[in-house]
Amino acid sequence: GVGMGMTAPVSITAFPAEDGSLQQKVKVSLRIPSQFQANPPCPSDESIKIEERQGMTIYSTQFGGYAKETDYVNYAAKLKAALGSEAAYRKDFYFCNGYDPPMKPYGRRNEVWFVKE
């Protein structure tokens, strides 16, 4: 019953298949606003879980526009190519992040994050 408003980023955990496409399972994460961090309200929907994301070091790339799945896949491939074989990062998942509300037409910010191992 508590409204928390829009938070950013909206973070989607993507699980890439062997060919680089995304598997049909995703995990969407929303940041709990600061004023609710110490005592977050309990979700009324059983499919919603509160998790604490541990600190991490990431490799990131940023792009604009209204991001679609193909955009995230393409930018993940570009980030992978830019990192080459020297960088150690998690290959079983990556994060697709959007920072803007749907009504914002210009200056949109999206990112792909690889988690450093």
N, C-alpha and C. Protein backbone atom coordinates (compact mmCIF):
# COMPACT_ATOMS: atom_id res chain seq x y z
N GLY A 1 0.78 -1.20 0.00
CA GLY A 1 0.00 0.00 0.00
C GLY A 1 0.83 1.28 0.00
N VAL A 2 2.15 1.15 -0.08
CA VAL A 2 3.02 2.34 -0.07
C VAL A 2 3.50 2.60 -1.49
N GLY A 3 3.29 3.81 -1.99
CA GLY A 3 3.80 4.19 -3.31
C GLY A 3 5.21 4.71 -3.19
N MET A 4 6.13 4.19 -3.99
CA MET A 4 7.52 4.60 -3.91
C MET A 4 7.97 5.38 -5.13
N GLY A 5 7.15 5.44 -6.17
CA GLY A 5 7.53 6.20 -7.36
C GLY A 5 8.57 5.46 -8.20
N MET A 6 8.94 6.10 -9.31
CA MET A 6 9.92 5.54 -10.25
C MET A 6 11.33 5.67 -9.68
N THR A 7 12.10 4.63 -9.79
CA THR A 7 13.51 4.69 -9.40
C THR A 7 14.36 4.34 -10.61
N ALA A 8 15.62 4.71 -10.56
CA ALA A 8 16.52 4.43 -11.67
C ALA A 8 17.85 3.93 -11.12
N PRO A 9 18.47 3.00 -11.80
CA PRO A 9 17.98 2.43 -13.04
C PRO A 9 17.00 1.29 -12.80
N VAL A 10 16.24 0.98 -13.84
CA VAL A 10 15.50 -0.28 -13.89
C VAL A 10 16.51 -1.25 -14.48
N SER A 11 16.80 -2.29 -13.75
CA SER A 11 17.88 -3.21 -14.12
C SER A 11 17.30 -4.58 -14.44
N ILE A 12 17.59 -5.07 -15.63
CA ILE A 12 17.13 -6.39 -16.06
C ILE A 12 18.34 -7.31 -16.13
N THR A 13 18.28 -8.42 -15.41
CA THR A 13 19.34 -9.42 -15.51
C THR A 13 19.03 -10.28 -16.71
N ALA A 14 19.95 -10.27 -17.67
CA ALA A 14 19.78 -11.04 -18.91
C ALA A 14 20.68 -12.27 -18.85
N PHE A 15 20.17 -13.37 -19.36
CA PHE A 15 20.91 -14.62 -19.38
C PHE A 15 21.16 -15.01 -20.84
N PRO A 16 22.37 -14.75 -21.35
CA PRO A 16 22.63 -15.00 -22.77
C PRO A 16 22.72 -16.49 -23.11
N ALA A 17 22.22 -16.83 -24.29
CA ALA A 17 22.35 -18.18 -24.83
C ALA A 17 23.72 -18.28 -25.52
N GLU A 18 24.07 -19.45 -25.99
CA GLU A 18 25.36 -19.68 -26.65
C GLU A 18 25.57 -18.75 -27.84
N ASP A 19 24.51 -18.45 -28.57
CA ASP A 19 24.63 -17.61 -29.77
C ASP A 19 24.57 -16.11 -29.46
N GLY A 20 24.50 -15.74 -28.18
CA GLY A 20 24.46 -14.34 -27.79
C GLY A 20 23.05 -13.79 -27.60
N SER A 21 22.04 -14.49 -28.13
CA SER A 21 20.66 -14.05 -27.92
C SER A 21 20.30 -14.26 -26.45
N LEU A 22 19.18 -13.70 -26.04
CA LEU A 22 18.79 -13.83 -24.64
C LEU A 22 17.82 -14.98 -24.45
N GLN A 23 18.04 -15.73 -23.38
CA GLN A 23 17.11 -16.79 -23.02
C GLN A 23 15.79 -16.15 -22.59
N GLN A 24 14.75 -16.92 -22.59
CA GLN A 24 13.43 -16.38 -22.26
C GLN A 24 13.18 -16.32 -20.76
N LYS A 25 14.23 -16.03 -20.00
CA LYS A 25 14.05 -15.77 -18.58
C LYS A 25 14.83 -14.50 -18.25
N VAL A 26 14.20 -13.63 -17.53
CA VAL A 26 14.83 -12.38 -17.11
C VAL A 26 14.44 -12.11 -15.66
N LYS A 27 15.20 -11.25 -15.04
CA LYS A 27 14.91 -10.82 -13.67
C LYS A 27 14.95 -9.30 -13.69
N VAL A 28 13.86 -8.66 -13.33
CA VAL A 28 13.77 -7.20 -13.31
C VAL A 28 13.98 -6.72 -11.88
N SER A 29 14.89 -5.75 -11.72
CA SER A 29 15.19 -5.22 -10.39
C SER A 29 14.96 -3.72 -10.38
N LEU A 30 14.35 -3.25 -9.31
CA LEU A 30 14.11 -1.83 -9.09
C LEU A 30 14.79 -1.44 -7.79
N ARG A 31 15.39 -0.27 -7.78
CA ARG A 31 16.05 0.22 -6.57
C ARG A 31 15.00 0.73 -5.60
N ILE A 32 15.13 0.32 -4.34
CA ILE A 32 14.24 0.83 -3.29
C ILE A 32 14.76 2.21 -2.88
N PRO A 33 13.92 3.24 -2.90
CA PRO A 33 14.37 4.59 -2.54
C PRO A 33 15.02 4.64 -1.16
N SER A 34 15.92 5.59 -0.98
CA SER A 34 16.72 5.72 0.25
C SER A 34 15.87 5.73 1.52
N GLN A 35 14.74 6.44 1.51
CA GLN A 35 13.94 6.55 2.73
C GLN A 35 13.32 5.22 3.14
N PHE A 36 13.31 4.22 2.25
CA PHE A 36 12.75 2.91 2.57
C PHE A 36 13.82 1.83 2.75
N GLN A 37 15.09 2.19 2.58
CA GLN A 37 16.16 1.20 2.60
C GLN A 37 16.23 0.44 3.93
N ALA A 38 16.16 1.13 5.05
CA ALA A 38 16.32 0.50 6.35
C ALA A 38 15.17 -0.45 6.69
N ASN A 39 13.97 -0.11 6.21
CA ASN A 39 12.79 -0.91 6.54
C ASN A 39 11.84 -0.92 5.34
N PRO A 40 12.18 -1.68 4.29
CA PRO A 40 11.34 -1.66 3.09
C PRO A 40 9.97 -2.29 3.35
N PRO A 41 8.93 -1.76 2.69
CA PRO A 41 7.60 -2.35 2.85
C PRO A 41 7.58 -3.77 2.27
N CYS A 42 6.78 -4.63 2.85
CA CYS A 42 6.69 -6.01 2.38
C CYS A 42 5.84 -6.06 1.12
N PRO A 43 6.32 -6.74 0.08
CA PRO A 43 5.51 -6.87 -1.15
C PRO A 43 4.25 -7.68 -0.88
N SER A 44 3.15 -7.30 -1.50
CA SER A 44 1.90 -8.04 -1.36
C SER A 44 1.79 -9.14 -2.41
N ASP A 45 2.66 -9.13 -3.40
CA ASP A 45 2.68 -10.13 -4.46
C ASP A 45 3.82 -11.11 -4.17
N GLU A 46 3.51 -12.40 -4.10
CA GLU A 46 4.52 -13.41 -3.75
C GLU A 46 5.65 -13.53 -4.78
N SER A 47 5.42 -13.08 -6.00
CA SER A 47 6.47 -13.18 -7.02
C SER A 47 7.52 -12.07 -6.88
N ILE A 48 7.25 -11.09 -6.02
CA ILE A 48 8.19 -9.99 -5.79
C ILE A 48 9.02 -10.29 -4.55
N LYS A 49 10.32 -10.22 -4.70
CA LYS A 49 11.25 -10.50 -3.61
C LYS A 49 12.12 -9.28 -3.37
N ILE A 50 12.47 -9.04 -2.12
CA ILE A 50 13.42 -7.99 -1.79
C ILE A 50 14.77 -8.65 -1.61
N GLU A 51 15.73 -8.18 -2.40
CA GLU A 51 17.09 -8.72 -2.35
C GLU A 51 18.07 -7.57 -2.17
N GLU A 52 19.15 -7.86 -1.51
CA GLU A 52 20.21 -6.87 -1.38
C GLU A 52 21.28 -7.19 -2.41
N ARG A 53 21.58 -6.23 -3.26
CA ARG A 53 22.62 -6.41 -4.27
C ARG A 53 23.95 -5.99 -3.66
N GLN A 54 24.87 -6.91 -3.65
CA GLN A 54 26.19 -6.64 -3.09
C GLN A 54 26.95 -5.68 -4.00
N GLY A 55 27.94 -5.00 -3.43
CA GLY A 55 28.79 -4.13 -4.23
C GLY A 55 29.49 -4.93 -5.31
N MET A 56 29.75 -4.30 -6.44
CA MET A 56 30.40 -4.99 -7.55
C MET A 56 31.19 -3.99 -8.38
N THR A 57 32.13 -4.52 -9.11
CA THR A 57 32.86 -3.73 -10.09
C THR A 57 32.35 -4.18 -11.45
N ILE A 58 32.05 -3.22 -12.32
CA ILE A 58 31.46 -3.56 -13.61
C ILE A 58 32.26 -2.97 -14.76
N TYR A 59 32.10 -3.61 -15.91
CA TYR A 59 32.49 -3.05 -17.20
C TYR A 59 31.20 -2.59 -17.83
N SER A 60 31.18 -1.38 -18.38
CA SER A 60 29.92 -0.81 -18.83
C SER A 60 30.05 -0.12 -20.18
N THR A 61 28.96 -0.12 -20.92
CA THR A 61 28.84 0.69 -22.13
C THR A 61 27.48 1.37 -22.08
N GLN A 62 27.41 2.56 -22.66
CA GLN A 62 26.20 3.38 -22.61
C GLN A 62 25.72 3.69 -24.01
N PHE A 63 24.40 3.77 -24.18
CA PHE A 63 23.82 4.15 -25.47
C PHE A 63 22.48 4.83 -25.23
N GLY A 64 21.98 5.52 -26.25
CA GLY A 64 20.74 6.27 -26.12
C GLY A 64 19.57 5.61 -26.83
N GLY A 65 18.45 6.31 -26.85
CA GLY A 65 17.26 5.85 -27.56
C GLY A 65 16.36 4.98 -26.71
N TYR A 66 15.27 4.53 -27.31
CA TYR A 66 14.36 3.58 -26.67
C TYR A 66 14.95 2.19 -26.87
N ALA A 67 15.52 1.62 -25.84
CA ALA A 67 16.24 0.35 -25.95
C ALA A 67 15.28 -0.82 -26.10
N LYS A 68 15.62 -1.68 -27.05
CA LYS A 68 14.91 -2.94 -27.26
C LYS A 68 15.88 -4.08 -26.96
N GLU A 69 15.36 -5.28 -26.90
CA GLU A 69 16.21 -6.44 -26.61
C GLU A 69 17.39 -6.52 -27.58
N THR A 70 17.13 -6.28 -28.86
CA THR A 70 18.22 -6.36 -29.85
C THR A 70 19.30 -5.31 -29.59
N ASP A 71 18.92 -4.14 -29.08
CA ASP A 71 19.91 -3.12 -28.74
C ASP A 71 20.82 -3.61 -27.62
N TYR A 72 20.23 -4.17 -26.57
CA TYR A 72 21.03 -4.68 -25.46
C TYR A 72 21.95 -5.80 -25.92
N VAL A 73 21.45 -6.71 -26.74
CA VAL A 73 22.27 -7.81 -27.26
C VAL A 73 23.42 -7.26 -28.10
N ASN A 74 23.14 -6.29 -28.98
CA ASN A 74 24.19 -5.71 -29.83
C ASN A 74 25.24 -4.97 -29.01
N TYR A 75 24.81 -4.19 -28.01
CA TYR A 75 25.78 -3.46 -27.20
C TYR A 75 26.55 -4.40 -26.27
N ALA A 76 25.94 -5.48 -25.85
CA ALA A 76 26.67 -6.48 -25.07
C ALA A 76 27.77 -7.11 -25.94
N ALA A 77 27.46 -7.38 -27.20
CA ALA A 77 28.46 -7.94 -28.12
C ALA A 77 29.59 -6.94 -28.35
N LYS A 78 29.26 -5.65 -28.48
CA LYS A 78 30.29 -4.62 -28.66
C LYS A 78 31.17 -4.51 -27.41
N LEU A 79 30.57 -4.58 -26.23
CA LEU A 79 31.34 -4.52 -25.00
C LEU A 79 32.25 -5.73 -24.88
N LYS A 80 31.73 -6.90 -25.22
CA LYS A 80 32.53 -8.13 -25.19
C LYS A 80 33.73 -8.00 -26.13
N ALA A 81 33.51 -7.47 -27.33
CA ALA A 81 34.59 -7.30 -28.30
C ALA A 81 35.62 -6.28 -27.80
N ALA A 82 35.15 -5.20 -27.19
CA ALA A 82 36.05 -4.17 -26.69
C ALA A 82 36.92 -4.70 -25.54
N LEU A 83 36.36 -5.57 -24.72
CA LEU A 83 37.11 -6.12 -23.59
C LEU A 83 38.11 -7.19 -24.03
N GLY A 84 37.82 -7.87 -25.14
CA GLY A 84 38.72 -8.91 -25.62
C GLY A 84 38.78 -10.09 -24.66
N SER A 85 39.86 -10.84 -24.75
CA SER A 85 39.98 -12.05 -23.94
C SER A 85 40.71 -11.82 -22.62
N GLU A 86 41.22 -10.62 -22.40
CA GLU A 86 42.00 -10.33 -21.20
C GLU A 86 41.14 -10.07 -19.96
N ALA A 87 39.97 -9.47 -20.13
CA ALA A 87 39.13 -9.10 -18.99
C ALA A 87 38.35 -10.31 -18.47
N ALA A 88 38.35 -10.47 -17.16
CA ALA A 88 37.60 -11.56 -16.52
C ALA A 88 36.26 -11.00 -16.01
N TYR A 89 35.17 -11.54 -16.53
CA TYR A 89 33.85 -11.10 -16.10
C TYR A 89 32.89 -12.27 -16.20
N ARG A 90 31.75 -12.15 -15.52
CA ARG A 90 30.73 -13.21 -15.52
C ARG A 90 30.15 -13.37 -16.91
N LYS A 91 30.13 -14.56 -17.42
CA LYS A 91 29.60 -14.83 -18.77
C LYS A 91 28.17 -15.37 -18.73
N ASP A 92 27.69 -15.78 -17.55
CA ASP A 92 26.37 -16.42 -17.45
C ASP A 92 25.22 -15.42 -17.35
N PHE A 93 25.52 -14.15 -17.10
CA PHE A 93 24.49 -13.13 -17.07
C PHE A 93 25.13 -11.77 -17.26
N TYR A 94 24.31 -10.78 -17.59
CA TYR A 94 24.73 -9.38 -17.56
C TYR A 94 23.50 -8.53 -17.27
N PHE A 95 23.73 -7.25 -16.98
CA PHE A 95 22.64 -6.35 -16.62
C PHE A 95 22.34 -5.39 -17.76
N CYS A 96 21.05 -5.21 -18.04
CA CYS A 96 20.55 -4.23 -19.02
C CYS A 96 19.84 -3.16 -18.19
N ASN A 97 20.31 -1.93 -18.28
CA ASN A 97 19.80 -0.87 -17.41
C ASN A 97 19.20 0.28 -18.20
N GLY A 98 18.05 0.73 -17.75
CA GLY A 98 17.40 1.90 -18.33
C GLY A 98 17.19 2.94 -17.24
N TYR A 99 17.44 4.19 -17.55
CA TYR A 99 17.40 5.25 -16.55
C TYR A 99 16.24 6.22 -16.70
N ASP A 100 15.46 6.10 -17.76
CA ASP A 100 14.47 7.13 -18.06
C ASP A 100 13.04 6.60 -18.07
N PRO A 101 12.08 7.47 -17.71
CA PRO A 101 10.67 7.08 -17.81
C PRO A 101 10.28 6.94 -19.28
N PRO A 102 9.25 6.15 -19.56
CA PRO A 102 8.84 5.91 -20.95
C PRO A 102 8.47 7.18 -21.71
N MET A 103 8.02 8.22 -21.01
CA MET A 103 7.56 9.44 -21.69
C MET A 103 8.70 10.36 -22.12
N LYS A 104 9.92 10.07 -21.74
CA LYS A 104 11.05 10.94 -22.11
C LYS A 104 11.50 10.61 -23.52
N PRO A 105 11.29 11.50 -24.49
CA PRO A 105 11.60 11.17 -25.88
C PRO A 105 13.06 11.36 -26.29
N TYR A 106 13.79 12.25 -25.61
CA TYR A 106 15.15 12.57 -26.05
C TYR A 106 16.12 12.45 -24.88
N GLY A 107 17.39 12.24 -25.21
CA GLY A 107 18.43 12.20 -24.19
C GLY A 107 18.33 10.99 -23.28
N ARG A 108 17.85 9.89 -23.82
CA ARG A 108 17.67 8.69 -23.02
C ARG A 108 19.01 8.01 -22.74
N ARG A 109 19.10 7.35 -21.59
CA ARG A 109 20.34 6.68 -21.18
C ARG A 109 20.06 5.22 -20.88
N ASN A 110 20.82 4.35 -21.53
CA ASN A 110 20.75 2.91 -21.31
C ASN A 110 22.18 2.42 -21.14
N GLU A 111 22.35 1.34 -20.39
CA GLU A 111 23.68 0.78 -20.19
C GLU A 111 23.62 -0.74 -20.18
N VAL A 112 24.72 -1.35 -20.58
CA VAL A 112 24.95 -2.78 -20.40
C VAL A 112 26.09 -2.91 -19.42
N TRP A 113 25.92 -3.76 -18.39
CA TRP A 113 26.96 -3.98 -17.39
C TRP A 113 27.40 -5.44 -17.41
N PHE A 114 28.69 -5.67 -17.46
CA PHE A 114 29.28 -6.99 -17.21
C PHE A 114 29.91 -6.91 -15.82
N VAL A 115 29.72 -7.92 -14.99
CA VAL A 115 30.24 -7.93 -13.64
C VAL A 115 31.64 -8.54 -13.66
N LYS A 116 32.61 -7.76 -13.17
CA LYS A 116 34.00 -8.21 -13.13
C LYS A 116 34.13 -9.36 -12.13
N GLU A 117 34.91 -10.36 -12.53
CA GLU A 117 35.16 -11.50 -11.62
C GLU A 117 36.34 -11.20 -10.72
